[in-house]
C-alpha atoms as a PDB file:
ATOM      1  CA  MET A   1      64.704  45.081 149.151  1.00  0.00           C
ATOM      2  CA  SER A   2      67.045  47.962 149.928  1.00  0.00           C
ATOM      3  CA  ILE A   3      66.121  51.629 149.489  1.00  0.00           C
ATOM      4  CA  CYS A   4      68.470  51.995 146.537  1.00  0.00           C
ATOM      5  CA  ARG A   5      66.866  49.009 144.830  1.00  0.00           C
ATOM      6  CA  ARG A   6      63.416  50.446 145.407  1.00  0.00           C
ATOM      7  CA  GLN A   7      64.543  53.746 143.955  1.00  0.00           C
ATOM      8  CA  PHE A   8      66.048  51.932 140.970  1.00  0.00           C
ATOM      9  CA  LEU A   9      62.809  50.071 140.212  1.00  0.00           C
ATOM     10  CA  LEU A  10      60.606  53.108 140.658  1.00  0.00           C
ATOM     11  CA  GLY A  11      63.012  55.259 138.681  1.00  0.00           C
ATOM     12  CA  THR A  12      63.283  52.699 135.902  1.00  0.00           C
ATOM     13  CA  ALA A  13      59.519  52.450 135.573  1.00  0.00           C
ATOM     14  CA  ALA A  14      59.117  56.219 135.544  1.00  0.00           C
ATOM     15  CA  GLY A  15      61.976  56.725 133.121  1.00  0.00           C
ATOM     16  CA  ILE A  16      60.757  54.172 130.648  1.00  0.00           C
ATOM     17  CA  GLY A  17      57.261  55.618 130.851  1.00  0.00           C
ATOM     18  CA  ALA A  18      58.694  58.956 129.773  1.00  0.00           C
ATOM     19  CA  LEU A  19      60.897  57.570 127.016  1.00  0.00           C
ATOM     20  CA  SER A  20      58.778  58.700 124.119  1.00  0.00           C
ATOM     21  CA  THR A  21      58.467  62.233 125.476  1.00  0.00           C
ATOM     22  CA  SER A  22      62.203  62.804 125.942  1.00  0.00           C
ATOM     23  CA  PHE A  23      62.853  63.553 122.265  1.00  0.00           C
ATOM     24  CA  SER A  24      60.191  66.222 121.780  1.00  0.00           C
ATOM     25  CA  ALA A  25      62.465  68.174 119.439  1.00  0.00           C
ATOM     26  CA  PHE A  26      61.616  65.659 116.737  1.00  0.00           C
ATOM     27  CA  SER A  27      57.824  65.936 117.085  1.00  0.00           C
ATOM     28  CA  ASN A  28      57.426  68.419 114.236  1.00  0.00           C
ATOM     29  CA  ASN A  29      58.461  65.727 111.784  1.00  0.00           C
ATOM     30  CA  LYS A  30      56.042  62.921 112.453  1.00  0.00           C
ATOM     31  CA  ILE A  31      56.222  59.434 110.980  1.00  0.00           C
ATOM     32  CA  GLY A  32      53.237  58.730 108.715  1.00  0.00           C
ATOM     33  CA  VAL A  33      51.330  55.544 109.541  1.00  0.00           C
ATOM     34  CA  ALA A  34      48.911  53.603 107.364  1.00  0.00           C
ATOM     35  CA  LEU A  35      46.716  51.088 109.165  1.00  0.00           C
ATOM     36  CA  LEU A  36      46.199  47.882 107.181  1.00  0.00           C
ATOM     37  CA  GLY A  37      43.002  46.183 108.271  1.00  0.00           C
ATOM     38  CA  LEU A  38      40.170  48.223 109.790  1.00  0.00           C
ATOM     39  CA  GLY A  39      38.723  45.788 112.286  1.00  0.00           C
ATOM     40  CA  TYR A  40      38.178  46.287 116.018  1.00  0.00           C
ATOM     41  CA  TYR A  41      41.795  46.822 117.046  1.00  0.00           C
ATOM     42  CA  SER A  42      42.485  49.445 114.398  1.00  0.00           C
ATOM     43  CA  THR A  43      39.102  51.143 114.803  1.00  0.00           C
ATOM     44  CA  ASP A  44      38.720  51.206 118.572  1.00  0.00           C
ATOM     45  CA  ILE A  45      42.307  51.070 119.820  1.00  0.00           C
ATOM     46  CA  LEU A  46      45.062  52.072 117.378  1.00  0.00           C
ATOM     47  CA  ALA A  47      43.418  54.946 115.518  1.00  0.00           C
ATOM     48  CA  PRO A  48      42.345  56.690 118.746  1.00  0.00           C
ATOM     49  CA  ALA A  49      45.823  56.066 120.215  1.00  0.00           C
ATOM     50  CA  LEU A  50      47.399  57.820 117.235  1.00  0.00           C
ATOM     51  CA  SER A  51      45.691  61.010 118.387  1.00  0.00           C
ATOM     52  CA  TYR A  52      47.934  60.917 121.478  1.00  0.00           C
ATOM     53  CA  THR A  53      51.258  60.148 119.790  1.00  0.00           C
ATOM     54  CA  GLU A  54      54.030  62.733 119.530  1.00  0.00           C
ATOM     55  CA  HIS A  55      56.216  61.144 116.879  1.00  0.00           C
ATOM     56  CA  CYS A  56      53.798  59.505 114.452  1.00  0.00           C
ATOM     57  CA  GLU A  57      50.321  60.100 113.098  1.00  0.00           C
ATOM     58  CA  LEU A  58      47.610  58.372 111.090  1.00  0.00           C
ATOM     59  CA  ARG A  59      47.890  59.311 107.422  1.00  0.00           C
ATOM     60  CA  GLY A  60      46.513  56.378 105.463  1.00  0.00           C
ATOM     61  CA  ILE A  61      44.343  53.262 105.460  1.00  0.00           C
ATOM     62  CA  ILE A  62      44.482  49.981 103.578  1.00  0.00           C
ATOM     63  CA  THR A  63      41.334  47.890 103.601  1.00  0.00           C
ATOM     64  CA  GLY A  64      39.402  45.122 101.935  1.00  0.00           C
ATOM     65  CA  SER A  65      36.118  46.745 102.983  1.00  0.00           C
ATOM     66  CA  PRO A  66      35.370  49.793 100.796  1.00  0.00           C
ATOM     67  CA  ALA A  67      32.227  50.576 102.781  1.00  0.00           C
ATOM     68  CA  LYS A  68      34.383  51.533 105.756  1.00  0.00           C
ATOM     69  CA  VAL A  69      36.381  54.146 103.874  1.00  0.00           C
ATOM     70  CA  PRO A  70      33.992  57.161 104.020  1.00  0.00           C
ATOM     71  CA  ARG A  71      33.654  56.990 107.794  1.00  0.00           C
ATOM     72  CA  TRP A  72      37.437  56.820 108.269  1.00  0.00           C
ATOM     73  CA  GLN A  73      38.023  59.672 105.858  1.00  0.00           C
ATOM     74  CA  LYS A  74      35.449  61.847 107.564  1.00  0.00           C
ATOM     75  CA  LYS A  75      36.685  61.089 111.082  1.00  0.00           C
ATOM     76  CA  TYR A  76      40.431  61.356 110.422  1.00  0.00           C
ATOM     77  CA  GLY A  77      40.654  63.610 107.374  1.00  0.00           C
ATOM     78  CA  ILE A  78      42.388  60.985 105.235  1.00  0.00           C
ATOM     79  CA  PRO A  79      42.698  62.132 101.600  1.00  0.00           C
ATOM     80  CA  ASP A  80      41.771  59.874  98.691  1.00  0.00           C
ATOM     81  CA  LYS A  81      45.417  59.513  97.665  1.00  0.00           C
ATOM     82  CA  ASN A  82      46.161  57.814 101.010  1.00  0.00           C
ATOM     83  CA  VAL A  83      43.421  55.198 100.715  1.00  0.00           C
ATOM     84  CA  TYR A  84      44.354  51.784  99.332  1.00  0.00           C
ATOM     85  CA  THR A  85      42.859  48.341  98.923  1.00  0.00           C
ATOM     86  CA  TYR A  86      44.783  45.127  99.468  1.00  0.00           C
ATOM     87  CA  GLU A  87      45.086  44.861  95.698  1.00  0.00           C
ATOM     88  CA  THR A  88      46.346  48.398  95.118  1.00  0.00           C
ATOM     89  CA  MET A  89      48.639  48.800  98.110  1.00  0.00           C
ATOM     90  CA  SER A  90      51.803  48.275  96.039  1.00  0.00           C
ATOM     91  CA  ALA A  91      51.203  51.831  94.792  1.00  0.00           C
ATOM     92  CA  ILE A  92      51.998  53.051  98.300  1.00  0.00           C
ATOM     93  CA  ALA A  93      55.635  52.914  97.201  1.00  0.00           C
ATOM     94  CA  ASP A  94      55.058  56.264  95.455  1.00  0.00           C
ATOM     95  CA  ASN A  95      53.486  57.921  98.497  1.00  0.00           C
ATOM     96  CA  ASP A  96      56.136  59.762 100.495  1.00  0.00           C
ATOM     97  CA  SER A  97      53.678  60.824 103.180  1.00  0.00           C
ATOM     98  CA  ILE A  98      53.416  57.253 104.446  1.00  0.00           C
ATOM     99  CA  ASP A  99      56.444  55.756 106.188  1.00  0.00           C
ATOM    100  CA  VAL A 100      54.950  52.755 107.992  1.00  0.00           C
ATOM    101  CA  VAL A 101      52.371  50.093 107.238  1.00  0.00           C
ATOM    102  CA  TYR A 102      50.892  48.670 110.443  1.00  0.00           C
ATOM    103  CA  VAL A 103      49.532  45.170 109.691  1.00  0.00           C
ATOM    104  CA  VAL A 104      46.418  44.511 111.781  1.00  0.00           C
ATOM    105  CA  THR A 105      44.799  41.543 110.031  1.00  0.00           C
ATOM    106  CA  PRO A 106      44.390  37.817 110.790  1.00  0.00           C
ATOM    107  CA  THR A 107      47.663  36.038 111.522  1.00  0.00           C
ATOM    108  CA  ALA A 108      47.671  33.946 108.353  1.00  0.00           C
ATOM    109  CA  THR A 109      47.805  37.129 106.235  1.00  0.00           C
ATOM    110  CA  HIS A 110      50.750  38.772 108.004  1.00  0.00           C
ATOM    111  CA  LEU A 111      53.465  37.382 105.750  1.00  0.00           C
ATOM    112  CA  ARG A 112      51.682  38.499 102.586  1.00  0.00           C
ATOM    113  CA  PHE A 113      51.021  42.036 103.752  1.00  0.00           C
ATOM    114  CA  ALA A 114      54.360  42.532 105.486  1.00  0.00           C
ATOM    115  CA  THR A 115      56.082  41.437 102.282  1.00  0.00           C
ATOM    116  CA  MET A 116      54.043  43.846 100.165  1.00  0.00           C
ATOM    117  CA  ALA A 117      54.811  46.717 102.532  1.00  0.00           C
ATOM    118  CA  ALA A 118      58.536  45.971 102.643  1.00  0.00           C
ATOM    119  CA  LEU A 119      58.748  45.661  98.865  1.00  0.00           C
ATOM    120  CA  ALA A 120      57.120  49.090  98.679  1.00  0.00           C
ATOM    121  CA  GLY A 121      59.916  50.447 100.865  1.00  0.00           C
ATOM    122  CA  LYS A 122      57.756  50.998 103.940  1.00  0.00           C
ATOM    123  CA  HIS A 123      58.661  50.087 107.500  1.00  0.00           C
ATOM    124  CA  VAL A 124      56.517  47.285 108.915  1.00  0.00           C
ATOM    125  CA  TRP A 125      54.739  47.218 112.245  1.00  0.00           C
ATOM    126  CA  CYS A 126      52.953  43.901 112.660  1.00  0.00           C
ATOM    127  CA  GLU A 127      50.488  42.819 115.303  1.00  0.00           C
ATOM    128  CA  LYS A 128      51.150  39.728 117.355  1.00  0.00           C
ATOM    129  CA  PRO A 129      51.296  36.836 116.805  1.00  0.00           C
ATOM    130  CA  MET A 130      53.886  37.518 114.134  1.00  0.00           C
ATOM    131  CA  ALA A 131      52.930  34.740 111.701  1.00  0.00           C
ATOM    132  CA  MET A 132      51.719  31.162 111.474  1.00  0.00           C
ATOM    133  CA  THR A 133      55.091  29.398 111.415  1.00  0.00           C
ATOM    134  CA  VAL A 134      58.759  29.963 112.168  1.00  0.00           C
ATOM    135  CA  ASN A 135      59.419  29.786 108.436  1.00  0.00           C
ATOM    136  CA  GLU A 136      56.941  32.583 107.750  1.00  0.00           C
ATOM    137  CA  CYS A 137      58.499  34.683 110.511  1.00  0.00           C
ATOM    138  CA  GLN A 138      61.923  34.236 108.979  1.00  0.00           C
ATOM    139  CA  GLN A 139      60.613  35.239 105.561  1.00  0.00           C
ATOM    140  CA  MET A 140      59.244  38.452 107.081  1.00  0.00           C
ATOM    141  CA  ILE A 141      62.574  39.194 108.739  1.00  0.00           C
ATOM    142  CA  ASP A 142      64.451  38.508 105.517  1.00  0.00           C
ATOM    143  CA  VAL A 143      62.286  40.641 103.233  1.00  0.00           C
ATOM    144  CA  CYS A 144      62.485  43.597 105.618  1.00  0.00           C
ATOM    145  CA  GLN A 145      66.254  43.311 105.883  1.00  0.00           C
ATOM    146  CA  GLN A 146      66.629  42.981 102.123  1.00  0.00           C
ATOM    147  CA  ASN A 147      64.576  46.139 101.584  1.00  0.00           C
ATOM    148  CA  LYS A 148      66.284  48.042 104.414  1.00  0.00           C
ATOM    149  CA  VAL A 149      63.116  48.692 106.402  1.00  0.00           C
ATOM    150  CA  LYS A 150      62.483  48.138 110.097  1.00  0.00           C
ATOM    151  CA  LEU A 151      60.233  45.358 111.338  1.00  0.00           C
ATOM    152  CA  SER A 152      58.583  45.716 114.737  1.00  0.00           C
ATOM    153  CA  ILE A 153      56.144  43.276 116.347  1.00  0.00           C
ATOM    154  CA  GLY A 154      53.261  44.723 118.357  1.00  0.00           C
ATOM    155  CA  TYR A 155      54.073  43.383 121.809  1.00  0.00           C
ATOM    156  CA  ARG A 156      52.996  46.511 123.660  1.00  0.00           C
ATOM    157  CA  MET A 157      53.930  44.913 127.008  1.00  0.00           C
ATOM    158  CA  GLN A 158      57.613  45.192 126.158  1.00  0.00           C
ATOM    159  CA  HIS A 159      57.010  48.960 126.069  1.00  0.00           C
ATOM    160  CA  GLU A 160      55.022  49.027 129.326  1.00  0.00           C
ATOM    161  CA  PRO A 161      57.113  50.648 132.096  1.00  0.00           C
ATOM    162  CA  SER A 162      56.521  48.228 134.993  1.00  0.00           C
ATOM    163  CA  THR A 163      57.059  45.240 132.741  1.00  0.00           C
ATOM    164  CA  ARG A 164      60.364  46.671 131.531  1.00  0.00           C
ATOM    165  CA  ALA A 165      61.407  47.485 135.098  1.00  0.00           C
ATOM    166  CA  PHE A 166      60.813  43.886 136.178  1.00  0.00           C
ATOM    167  CA  ALA A 167      62.704  42.586 133.137  1.00  0.00           C
ATOM    168  CA  GLU A 168      65.770  44.336 134.574  1.00  0.00           C
ATOM    169  CA  LEU A 169      65.557  42.147 137.686  1.00  0.00           C
ATOM    170  CA  SER A 170      66.836  39.149 135.724  1.00  0.00           C
ATOM    171  CA  HIS A 171      70.157  41.012 135.693  1.00  0.00           C
ATOM    172  CA  THR A 172      70.185  42.720 139.103  1.00  0.00           C
ATOM    173  CA  LYS A 173      68.636  39.743 140.995  1.00  0.00           C
ATOM    174  CA  PRO A 174      67.495  41.603 144.155  1.00  0.00           C
ATOM    175  CA  PHE A 175      65.710  38.428 145.341  1.00  0.00           C
ATOM    176  CA  GLY A 176      68.330  35.992 144.093  1.00  0.00           C
ATOM    177  CA  ASP A 177      68.042  33.573 141.213  1.00  0.00           C
ATOM    178  CA  LEU A 178      64.707  32.731 139.631  1.00  0.00           C
ATOM    179  CA  THR A 179      63.328  29.425 140.881  1.00  0.00           C
ATOM    180  CA  GLY A 180      60.070  29.251 138.910  1.00  0.00           C
ATOM    181  CA  MET A 181      57.501  31.252 136.978  1.00  0.00           C
ATOM    182  CA  SER A 182      53.742  31.209 136.489  1.00  0.00           C
ATOM    183  CA  VAL A 183      52.342  33.099 133.502  1.00  0.00           C
ATOM    184  CA  PHE A 184      48.672  32.974 132.520  1.00  0.00           C
ATOM    185  CA  ALA A 185      46.844  34.975 129.860  1.00  0.00           C
ATOM    186  CA  GLY A 186      43.205  34.479 128.928  1.00  0.00           C
ATOM    187  CA  TYR A 187      39.750  35.996 128.835  1.00  0.00           C
ATOM    188  CA  PRO A 188      36.283  34.572 129.545  1.00  0.00           C
ATOM    189  CA  GLY A 189      34.835  34.486 126.038  1.00  0.00           C
ATOM    190  CA  GLY A 190      32.996  31.783 124.142  1.00  0.00           C
ATOM    191  CA  PRO A 191      32.871  30.063 120.784  1.00  0.00           C
ATOM    192  CA  GLY A 192      32.277  32.298 117.815  1.00  0.00           C
ATOM    193  CA  SER A 193      30.733  31.622 114.450  1.00  0.00           C
ATOM    194  CA  GLU A 194      32.488  28.896 112.487  1.00  0.00           C
ATOM    195  CA  SER A 195      33.127  31.487 109.775  1.00  0.00           C
ATOM    196  CA  ASN A 196      34.974  33.791 112.206  1.00  0.00           C
ATOM    197  CA  TRP A 197      38.692  33.611 111.485  1.00  0.00           C
ATOM    198  CA  ARG A 198      39.400  33.138 115.188  1.00  0.00           C
ATOM    199  CA  MET A 199      37.673  29.757 114.930  1.00  0.00           C
ATOM    200  CA  ILE A 200      39.704  28.629 111.907  1.00  0.00           C
ATOM    201  CA  PRO A 201      43.068  26.970 112.639  1.00  0.00           C
ATOM    202  CA  GLU A 202      44.559  27.807 109.250  1.00  0.00           C
ATOM    203  CA  MET A 203      43.951  31.520 109.931  1.00  0.00           C
ATOM    204  CA  GLY A 204      45.607  31.524 113.345  1.00  0.00           C
ATOM    205  CA  GLY A 205      42.536  31.010 115.476  1.00  0.00           C
ATOM    206  CA  GLY A 206      42.552  29.559 118.967  1.00  0.00           C
ATOM    207  CA  ALA A 207      44.002  30.418 122.352  1.00  0.00           C
ATOM    208  CA  LEU A 208      47.685  29.656 121.786  1.00  0.00           C
ATOM    209  CA  TYR A 209      48.031  32.016 118.843  1.00  0.00           C
ATOM    210  CA  ASP A 210      45.728  34.679 120.264  1.00  0.00           C
ATOM    211  CA  MET A 211      46.622  34.838 123.959  1.00  0.00           C
ATOM    212  CA  GLY A 212      49.296  32.211 124.450  1.00  0.00           C
ATOM    213  CA  VAL A 213      51.977  34.415 122.964  1.00  0.00           C
ATOM    214  CA  TYR A 214      51.431  36.841 125.877  1.00  0.00           C
ATOM    215  CA  ALA A 215      52.406  34.102 128.315  1.00  0.00           C
ATOM    216  CA  ILE A 216      55.296  32.887 126.170  1.00  0.00           C
ATOM    217  CA  ASN A 217      56.697  36.327 125.536  1.00  0.00           C
ATOM    218  CA  GLY A 218      56.155  37.398 129.128  1.00  0.00           C
ATOM    219  CA  ALA A 219      58.132  34.466 130.504  1.00  0.00           C
ATOM    220  CA  ARG A 220      60.928  34.992 127.986  1.00  0.00           C
ATOM    221  CA  PHE A 221      61.090  38.753 128.490  1.00  0.00           C
ATOM    222  CA  ILE A 222      61.008  38.752 132.292  1.00  0.00           C
ATOM    223  CA  SER A 223      63.465  35.864 132.679  1.00  0.00           C
ATOM    224  CA  GLY A 224      65.801  37.013 129.910  1.00  0.00           C
ATOM    225  CA  LEU A 225      66.101  33.357 128.907  1.00  0.00           C
ATOM    226  CA  GLU A 226      65.079  31.196 125.959  1.00  0.00           C
ATOM    227  CA  PRO A 227      63.107  27.995 126.639  1.00  0.00           C
ATOM    228  CA  GLN A 228      64.823  24.778 125.670  1.00  0.00           C
ATOM    229  CA  SER A 229      61.722  22.585 125.606  1.00  0.00           C
ATOM    230  CA  VAL A 230      57.941  22.696 125.977  1.00  0.00           C
ATOM    231  CA  SER A 231      55.126  20.310 126.862  1.00  0.00           C
ATOM    232  CA  ALA A 232      51.438  21.085 126.451  1.00  0.00           C
ATOM    233  CA  LYS A 233      47.913  19.808 126.915  1.00  0.00           C
ATOM    234  CA  ILE A 234      44.802  21.177 125.213  1.00  0.00           C
ATOM    235  CA  GLU A 235      41.633  21.132 127.301  1.00  0.00           C
ATOM    236  CA  LYS A 236      38.628  20.026 125.277  1.00  0.00           C
ATOM    237  CA  THR A 237      35.866  22.617 125.298  1.00  0.00           C
ATOM    238  CA  LYS A 238      32.333  22.465 123.904  1.00  0.00           C
ATOM    239  CA  GLY A 239      31.905  24.581 120.787  1.00  0.00           C
ATOM    240  CA  PHE A 240      35.598  24.499 119.874  1.00  0.00           C
ATOM    241  CA  LYS A 241      35.950  21.689 117.377  1.00  0.00           C
ATOM    242  CA  TRP A 242      38.932  22.883 115.372  1.00  0.00           C
ATOM    243  CA  VAL A 243      40.874  25.329 117.562  1.00  0.00           C
ATOM    244  CA  ASP A 244      42.088  25.254 121.156  1.00  0.00           C
ATOM    245  CA  ALA A 245      39.999  27.144 123.701  1.00  0.00           C
ATOM    246  CA  THR A 246      42.312  26.489 126.653  1.00  0.00           C
ATOM    247  CA  THR A 247      45.867  25.205 126.623  1.00  0.00           C
ATOM    248  CA  TYR A 248      48.210  24.587 129.541  1.00  0.00           C
ATOM    249  CA  PHE A 249      51.914  24.315 128.856  1.00  0.00           C
ATOM    250  CA  THR A 250      55.258  24.230 130.602  1.00  0.00           C
ATOM    251  CA  MET A 251      58.423  25.773 129.235  1.00  0.00           C
ATOM    252  CA  LYS A 252      61.737  24.506 130.554  1.00  0.00           C
ATOM    253  CA  PHE A 253      64.799  26.709 130.602  1.00  0.00           C
ATOM    254  CA  LYS A 254      68.419  26.045 131.470  1.00  0.00           C
ATOM    255  CA  ASN A 255      69.396  25.153 135.052  1.00  0.00           C
ATOM    256  CA  GLY A 256      66.005  23.517 135.598  1.00  0.00           C
ATOM    257  CA  LEU A 257      63.912  26.707 135.615  1.00  0.00           C
ATOM    258  CA  GLU A 258      60.298  26.072 134.585  1.00  0.00           C
ATOM    259  CA  ALA A 259      57.519  28.423 133.563  1.00  0.00           C
ATOM    260  CA  LYS A 260      54.047  27.008 134.175  1.00  0.00           C
ATOM    261  CA  CYS A 261      51.734  28.701 131.703  1.00  0.00           C
ATOM    262  CA  GLY A 262      48.142  28.760 130.610  1.00  0.00           C
ATOM    263  CA  THR A 263      46.108  30.481 127.935  1.00  0.00           C
ATOM    264  CA  SER A 264      42.415  30.586 127.162  1.00  0.00           C
ATOM    265  CA  VAL A 265      39.665  32.310 125.246  1.00  0.00           C
ATOM    266  CA  VAL A 266      36.999  30.995 127.653  1.00  0.00           C
ATOM    267  CA  LYS A 267      38.689  31.437 131.042  1.00  0.00           C
ATOM    268  CA  GLY A 268      39.836  34.678 132.591  1.00  0.00           C
ATOM    269  CA  PHE A 269      43.356  34.803 133.988  1.00  0.00           C
ATOM    270  CA  ASN A 270      45.937  37.529 133.605  1.00  0.00           C
ATOM    271  CA  TYR A 271      49.120  37.489 135.669  1.00  0.00           C
ATOM    272  CA  LEU A 272      52.846  36.813 135.735  1.00  0.00           C
ATOM    273  CA  ARG A 273      54.679  35.748 138.875  1.00  0.00           C
ATOM    274  CA  ALA A 274      58.402  35.195 139.186  1.00  0.00           C
ATOM    275  CA  ASN A 275      59.490  33.236 142.255  1.00  0.00           C
ATOM    276  CA  CYS A 276      63.065  33.680 143.417  1.00  0.00           C
ATOM    277  CA  ALA A 277      65.377  32.249 146.057  1.00  0.00           C
ATOM    278  CA  SER A 278      64.475  34.937 148.604  1.00  0.00           C
ATOM    279  CA  GLY A 279      61.271  36.577 147.362  1.00  0.00           C
ATOM    280  CA  TRP A 280      59.038  37.157 144.361  1.00  0.00           C
ATOM    281  CA  TYR A 281      57.688  39.772 142.011  1.00  0.00           C
ATOM    282  CA  GLU A 282      54.550  39.807 139.922  1.00  0.00           C
ATOM    283  CA  LEU A 283      52.521  41.688 137.342  1.00  0.00           C
ATOM    284  CA  LYS A 284      48.784  41.436 137.977  1.00  0.00           C
ATOM    285  CA  PRO A 285      47.175  42.130 135.627  1.00  0.00           C
ATOM    286  CA  MET A 286      50.056  41.656 133.224  1.00  0.00           C
ATOM    287  CA  GLN A 287      48.639  42.260 129.739  1.00  0.00           C
ATOM    288  CA  SER A 288      45.605  44.513 130.064  1.00  0.00           C
ATOM    289  CA  TYR A 289      45.366  47.659 127.942  1.00  0.00           C
ATOM    290  CA  SER A 290      45.549  49.653 131.194  1.00  0.00           C
ATOM    291  CA  GLY A 291      45.991  49.013 134.887  1.00  0.00           C
ATOM    292  CA  VAL A 292      49.098  46.807 134.771  1.00  0.00           C
ATOM    293  CA  VAL A 293      50.484  46.788 138.326  1.00  0.00           C
ATOM    294  CA  GLY A 294      53.798  45.422 139.579  1.00  0.00           C
ATOM    295  CA  ARG A 295      54.322  44.132 143.117  1.00  0.00           C
ATOM    296  CA  THR A 296      57.236  42.630 145.002  1.00  0.00           C
ATOM    297  CA  SER A 297      57.337  40.358 148.052  1.00  0.00           C
ATOM    298  CA  ASP A 298      58.718  43.143 150.244  1.00  0.00           C
ATOM    299  CA  GLY A 299      55.727  45.404 149.627  1.00  0.00           C
ATOM    300  CA  LEU A 300      56.861  47.580 146.729  1.00  0.00           C
ATOM    301  CA  VAL A 301      54.068  48.530 144.317  1.00  0.00           C
ATOM    302  CA  LEU A 302      54.772  49.882 140.840  1.00  0.00           C
ATOM    303  CA  PRO A 303      51.657  51.858 139.881  1.00  0.00           C
ATOM    304  CA  SER A 304      50.023  51.425 136.517  1.00  0.00           C
ATOM    305  CA  PHE A 305      51.186  53.504 133.581  1.00  0.00           C
ATOM    306  CA  SER A 306      48.945  56.574 133.268  1.00  0.00           C
ATOM    307  CA  GLY A 307      49.409  56.997 129.521  1.00  0.00           C
ATOM    308  CA  ASN A 308      48.054  55.133 126.522  1.00  0.00           C
ATOM    309  CA  GLN A 309      49.979  51.874 126.026  1.00  0.00           C
ATOM    310  CA  GLN A 310      49.466  51.731 122.278  1.00  0.00           C
ATOM    311  CA  ALA A 311      50.524  55.354 121.854  1.00  0.00           C
ATOM    312  CA  GLN A 312      53.648  54.620 123.889  1.00  0.00           C
ATOM    313  CA  GLN A 313      54.417  51.596 121.718  1.00  0.00           C
ATOM    314  CA  MET A 314      53.941  53.446 118.425  1.00  0.00           C
ATOM    315  CA  ASP A 315      55.926  56.465 119.578  1.00  0.00           C
ATOM    316  CA  ASN A 316      58.830  54.237 120.597  1.00  0.00           C
ATOM    317  CA  ASP A 317      58.732  52.493 117.225  1.00  0.00           C
ATOM    318  CA  ALA A 318      58.516  55.834 115.417  1.00  0.00           C
ATOM    319  CA  LEU A 319      61.545  57.099 117.318  1.00  0.00           C
ATOM    320  CA  ALA A 320      63.489  54.001 116.301  1.00  0.00           C
ATOM    321  CA  ILE A 321      62.858  55.000 112.690  1.00  0.00           C
ATOM    322  CA  LYS A 322      63.697  58.673 113.227  1.00  0.00           C
ATOM    323  CA  LEU A 323      66.894  57.964 115.127  1.00  0.00           C
ATOM    324  CA  ASN A 324      67.785  54.822 113.162  1.00  0.00           C
ATOM    325  CA  LYS A 325      67.950  52.816 116.381  1.00  0.00           C
ATOM    326  CA  PRO A 326      66.938  49.196 117.044  1.00  0.00           C
ATOM    327  CA  VAL A 327      63.233  48.667 117.689  1.00  0.00           C
ATOM    328  CA  PHE A 328      62.115  47.406 121.095  1.00  0.00           C
ATOM    329  CA  VAL A 329      60.572  44.212 119.672  1.00  0.00           C
ATOM    330  CA  PRO A 330      62.217  42.985 116.453  1.00  0.00           C
ATOM    331  CA  GLY A 331      61.030  40.130 114.280  1.00  0.00           C
ATOM    332  CA  GLU A 332      63.349  37.704 116.020  1.00  0.00           C
ATOM    333  CA  GLU A 333      61.226  38.114 119.170  1.00  0.00           C
ATOM    334  CA  GLY A 334      58.064  37.142 117.340  1.00  0.00           C
ATOM    335  CA  LEU A 335      59.822  34.197 115.711  1.00  0.00           C
ATOM    336  CA  GLN A 336      60.952  32.772 119.060  1.00  0.00           C
ATOM    337  CA  ASP A 337      57.390  32.856 120.362  1.00  0.00           C
ATOM    338  CA  ILE A 338      56.059  31.031 117.314  1.00  0.00           C
ATOM    339  CA  ARG A 339      58.772  28.397 117.766  1.00  0.00           C
ATOM    340  CA  VAL A 340      57.239  27.702 121.175  1.00  0.00           C
ATOM    341  CA  VAL A 341      53.688  27.731 119.774  1.00  0.00           C
ATOM    342  CA  GLU A 342      54.653  25.147 117.157  1.00  0.00           C
ATOM    343  CA  GLY A 343      56.339  23.034 119.821  1.00  0.00           C
ATOM    344  CA  ALA A 344      53.308  23.251 122.114  1.00  0.00           C
ATOM    345  CA  PHE A 345      50.944  22.083 119.379  1.00  0.00           C
ATOM    346  CA  LYS A 346      53.284  19.211 118.541  1.00  0.00           C
ATOM    347  CA  SER A 347      53.405  18.220 122.207  1.00  0.00           C
ATOM    348  CA  ALA A 348      49.619  18.336 122.553  1.00  0.00           C
ATOM    349  CA  ARG A 349      49.239  16.109 119.475  1.00  0.00           C
ATOM    350  CA  ASN A 350      51.582  13.615 121.136  1.00  0.00           C
ATOM    351  CA  ASN A 351      49.945  13.347 124.551  1.00  0.00           C
ATOM    352  CA  GLY A 352      52.051  16.014 126.230  1.00  0.00           C
ATOM    353  CA  GLU A 353      55.428  14.759 125.046  1.00  0.00           C
ATOM    354  CA  LEU A 354      58.322  17.052 125.928  1.00  0.00           C
ATOM    355  CA  ILE A 355      59.390  18.759 122.707  1.00  0.00           C
ATOM    356  CA  THR A 356      62.891  20.139 122.283  1.00  0.00           C
ATOM    357  CA  LEU A 357      62.886  23.591 120.788  1.00  0.00           C
END
């Protein structure tokens, strides 16, 4: 890779990492965020990240667990008027201090809560996966458009600097055309209680919904292409009667490009590799909360982002609202991933048949 290409990659990564700090003049007028769902991700990841953001801040909570409210109010100074239940959240329409509802609940509930937030005139940030079906995704897109609010899906990796720098290579092609991809996302867990929503297929449990969308979205984002077909096989695993624990799948793109992918909630793998005509580039790990590192076949290393990924994501989404610009990850992105998920499940049910998307 030439010196100018190296400088471009390093400069792109650094520039994107600084994106949310380049509009500091707006930081006195922060976007108010209400977290909907106070489970692990809100409690341990998002709420702490909102203490680092420049363009948005935590102002409200929406929960189905009243016992959690006092601790949140004490820790974050949330007033009573900014506390809602799932049943009372429609009243948030009258609360001008809250601009965004961030939906952080099981996948099967996303459509309901996103709809309620949009109808209340609030922008919607929704965790991945976007919804259970393509139809549900489209309903979310439609209701947000009809109510003139922004919809952003929580794929923090599309905000991560090295990932964005490598996505540019699908256009600049420093190693020539892509010849193949390998994308794997999983963690070494185990079966949970049968009552845990992650073990219930109707709620969005299982590896494909949970971790598979990282692999799907990663391949799509880095290649800049949409898959035309998918085939999949679910690996049977003890303790997982109703949901997939490990699924291997192949996405086929135009011109014969294939992405070999895997996802699991019992096996640990976490990387993306793009092979090209005269070299390669990879992210390893590719979807961790920190420590994402990019490497190229000629020895270039893109160091991990030193900031907080979730804070970066939320600041970028807040700036899109402030500046009335497109969000990094719109609903259409989430919909395309769920199209692949649906196709992969259909393929697995039919002995790995190639399913046209």
